[in-house]
C-alpha atoms as a PDB file:
ATOM      1  CA  MET A   1      -4.693   1.036  10.542  1.00  0.00           C
ATOM      2  CA  GLU A   2      -5.135  -2.252   9.640  1.00  0.00           C
ATOM      3  CA  LEU A   3      -6.275  -4.494   7.108  1.00  0.00           C
ATOM      4  CA  LYS A   4      -8.747  -5.718   8.781  1.00  0.00           C
ATOM      5  CA  ASP A   5     -10.630  -1.702   9.596  1.00  0.00           C
ATOM      6  CA  THR A   6     -11.075  -1.595   5.614  1.00  0.00           C
ATOM      7  CA  ILE A   7     -13.616  -4.134   6.000  1.00  0.00           C
ATOM      8  CA  SER A   8     -16.688  -1.769   5.760  1.00  0.00           C
ATOM      9  CA  LEU A   9     -14.896   0.512   3.719  1.00  0.00           C
ATOM     10  CA  MET A  10     -14.483  -2.472   0.709  1.00  0.00           C
ATOM     11  CA  ASN A  11     -18.216  -3.998   1.318  1.00  0.00           C
ATOM     12  CA  SER A  12     -20.274  -0.178   0.306  1.00  0.00           C
ATOM     13  CA  ASP A  13     -21.870   0.408  -2.125  1.00  0.00           C
ATOM     14  CA  ASN A  14     -20.471   3.693  -2.612  1.00  0.00           C
ATOM     15  CA  TYR A  15     -18.035   3.499  -5.100  1.00  0.00           C
ATOM     16  CA  GLN A  16     -15.400   6.272  -3.018  1.00  0.00           C
ATOM     17  CA  ASP A  17     -15.620   4.475  -0.121  1.00  0.00           C
ATOM     18  CA  ARG A  18     -14.258   1.025  -1.606  1.00  0.00           C
ATOM     19  CA  PHE A  19     -11.719   3.641  -3.826  1.00  0.00           C
ATOM     20  CA  LYS A  20     -10.794   4.241  -0.076  1.00  0.00           C
ATOM     21  CA  ALA A  21     -10.631   0.872   0.896  1.00  0.00           C
ATOM     22  CA  GLU A  22      -8.606  -0.021  -2.443  1.00  0.00           C
ATOM     23  CA  TYR A  23      -6.341   2.882  -1.492  1.00  0.00           C
ATOM     24  CA  LEU A  24      -5.870   2.204   2.268  1.00  0.00           C
ATOM     25  CA  GLN A  25      -5.160  -1.789   1.587  1.00  0.00           C
ATOM     26  CA  THR A  26      -2.503  -0.826  -0.872  1.00  0.00           C
ATOM     27  CA  LYS A  27      -0.767   1.899   1.277  1.00  0.00           C
ATOM     28  CA  ILE A  28      -1.043  -0.766   4.618  1.00  0.00           C
ATOM     29  CA  ARG A  29       0.708  -3.546   2.051  1.00  0.00           C
ATOM     30  CA  TYR A  30       3.313  -0.391   0.786  1.00  0.00           C
ATOM     31  CA  ASP A  31       4.560   0.663   4.125  1.00  0.00           C
ATOM     32  CA  LYS A  32       5.055  -2.726   5.377  1.00  0.00           C
ATOM     33  CA  LEU A  33       7.189  -3.697   2.356  1.00  0.00           C
ATOM     34  CA  HIS A  34       9.007  -0.353   2.375  1.00  0.00           C
ATOM     35  CA  ASN A  35       9.779  -0.864   6.627  1.00  0.00           C
ATOM     36  CA  THR A  36      11.013  -4.275   4.992  1.00  0.00           C
ATOM     37  CA  LEU A  37      13.439  -3.322   2.824  1.00  0.00           C
ATOM     38  CA  VAL A  38      14.944  -0.385   5.152  1.00  0.00           C
ATOM     39  CA  LYS A  39      15.698  -3.189   7.824  1.00  0.00           C
ATOM     40  CA  TYR A  40      17.071  -5.729   5.170  1.00  0.00           C
ATOM     41  CA  ASP A  41      19.442  -2.205   3.987  1.00  0.00           C
ATOM     42  CA  ALA A  42      19.939  -1.186   8.202  1.00  0.00           C
ATOM     43  CA  GLY A  43      20.955  -5.189   8.584  1.00  0.00           C
ATOM     44  CA  THR A  44      18.288  -5.507  11.521  1.00  0.00           C
ATOM     45  CA  LEU A  45      15.693  -7.661   9.216  1.00  0.00           C
ATOM     46  CA  PRO A  46      15.500 -10.572  11.677  1.00  0.00           C
ATOM     47  CA  PHE A  47      15.392 -13.367   7.889  1.00  0.00           C
ATOM     48  CA  LYS A  48      17.066 -13.387   4.499  1.00  0.00           C
ATOM     49  CA  PRO A  49      14.652 -12.680   1.909  1.00  0.00           C
ATOM     50  CA  ALA A  50      14.530 -15.011  -1.102  1.00  0.00           C
ATOM     51  CA  ASN A  51      15.531 -12.167  -3.443  1.00  0.00           C
ATOM     52  CA  ILE A  52      15.592  -8.753  -2.383  1.00  0.00           C
ATOM     53  CA  GLU A  53      15.507  -7.180  -5.886  1.00  0.00           C
ATOM     54  CA  LEU A  54      12.063  -8.825  -6.848  1.00  0.00           C
ATOM     55  CA  LEU A  55      10.705  -7.176  -3.085  1.00  0.00           C
ATOM     56  CA  ARG A  56      12.664  -3.493  -4.389  1.00  0.00           C
ATOM     57  CA  GLU A  57      10.895  -4.043  -7.774  1.00  0.00           C
ATOM     58  CA  GLN A  58       7.589  -5.181  -6.351  1.00  0.00           C
ATOM     59  CA  ALA A  59       7.534  -1.475  -3.654  1.00  0.00           C
ATOM     60  CA  ALA A  60       8.056   0.089  -6.562  1.00  0.00           C
ATOM     61  CA  ALA A  61       5.457  -0.875  -8.845  1.00  0.00           C
ATOM     62  CA  MET A  62       3.153  -0.076  -5.105  1.00  0.00           C
ATOM     63  CA  GLY A  63       4.454   3.453  -5.117  1.00  0.00           C
ATOM     64  CA  ARG A  64       3.288   4.315  -8.520  1.00  0.00           C
ATOM     65  CA  TYR A  65       0.199   2.707  -8.067  1.00  0.00           C
ATOM     66  CA  LEU A  66      -0.379   4.309  -4.825  1.00  0.00           C
ATOM     67  CA  TYR A  67       0.752   7.576  -6.942  1.00  0.00           C
ATOM     68  CA  ILE A  68      -1.984   7.140  -9.671  1.00  0.00           C
ATOM     69  CA  LEU A  69      -4.875   6.241  -7.038  1.00  0.00           C
ATOM     70  CA  GLU A  70      -3.610   9.719  -5.365  1.00  0.00           C
ATOM     71  CA  THR A  71      -3.767  11.758  -8.463  1.00  0.00           C
ATOM     72  CA  ARG A  72      -7.302  10.377  -9.098  1.00  0.00           C
ATOM     73  CA  ALA A  73      -8.263  11.052  -5.722  1.00  0.00           C
ATOM     74  CA  GLU A  74      -7.736  14.754  -5.963  1.00  0.00           C
ATOM     75  CA  ILE A  75      -9.304  14.692  -9.291  1.00  0.00           C
ATOM     76  CA  GLU A  76     -12.661  13.237  -8.352  1.00  0.00           C
ATOM     77  CA  LYS A  77     -11.979  14.689  -4.947  1.00  0.00           C
ATOM     78  CA  ILE A  78     -11.844  11.122  -2.869  1.00  0.00           C
ATOM     79  CA  ASP A  79     -10.947  12.136   0.630  1.00  0.00           C
ATOM     80  CA  ILE A  80      -8.206   9.510   1.456  1.00  0.00           C
END
């Protein structure tokens, strides 16, 4: 799935659809950042980030946010 695939959910009048879009968009971005960090640690990233520690902090914050969204989805019975 790509960000563009979440547009219809994001524009929905249904809050559960918008919630799903928010979760999916965050997950897509997190996964890409996570893959970047894995490649950096493996020495296979084709560029050198300006500040790898800041990227690690961003990934950690995004991971915590995804956990919050997943918990909320479980409580509210939203299938993400």
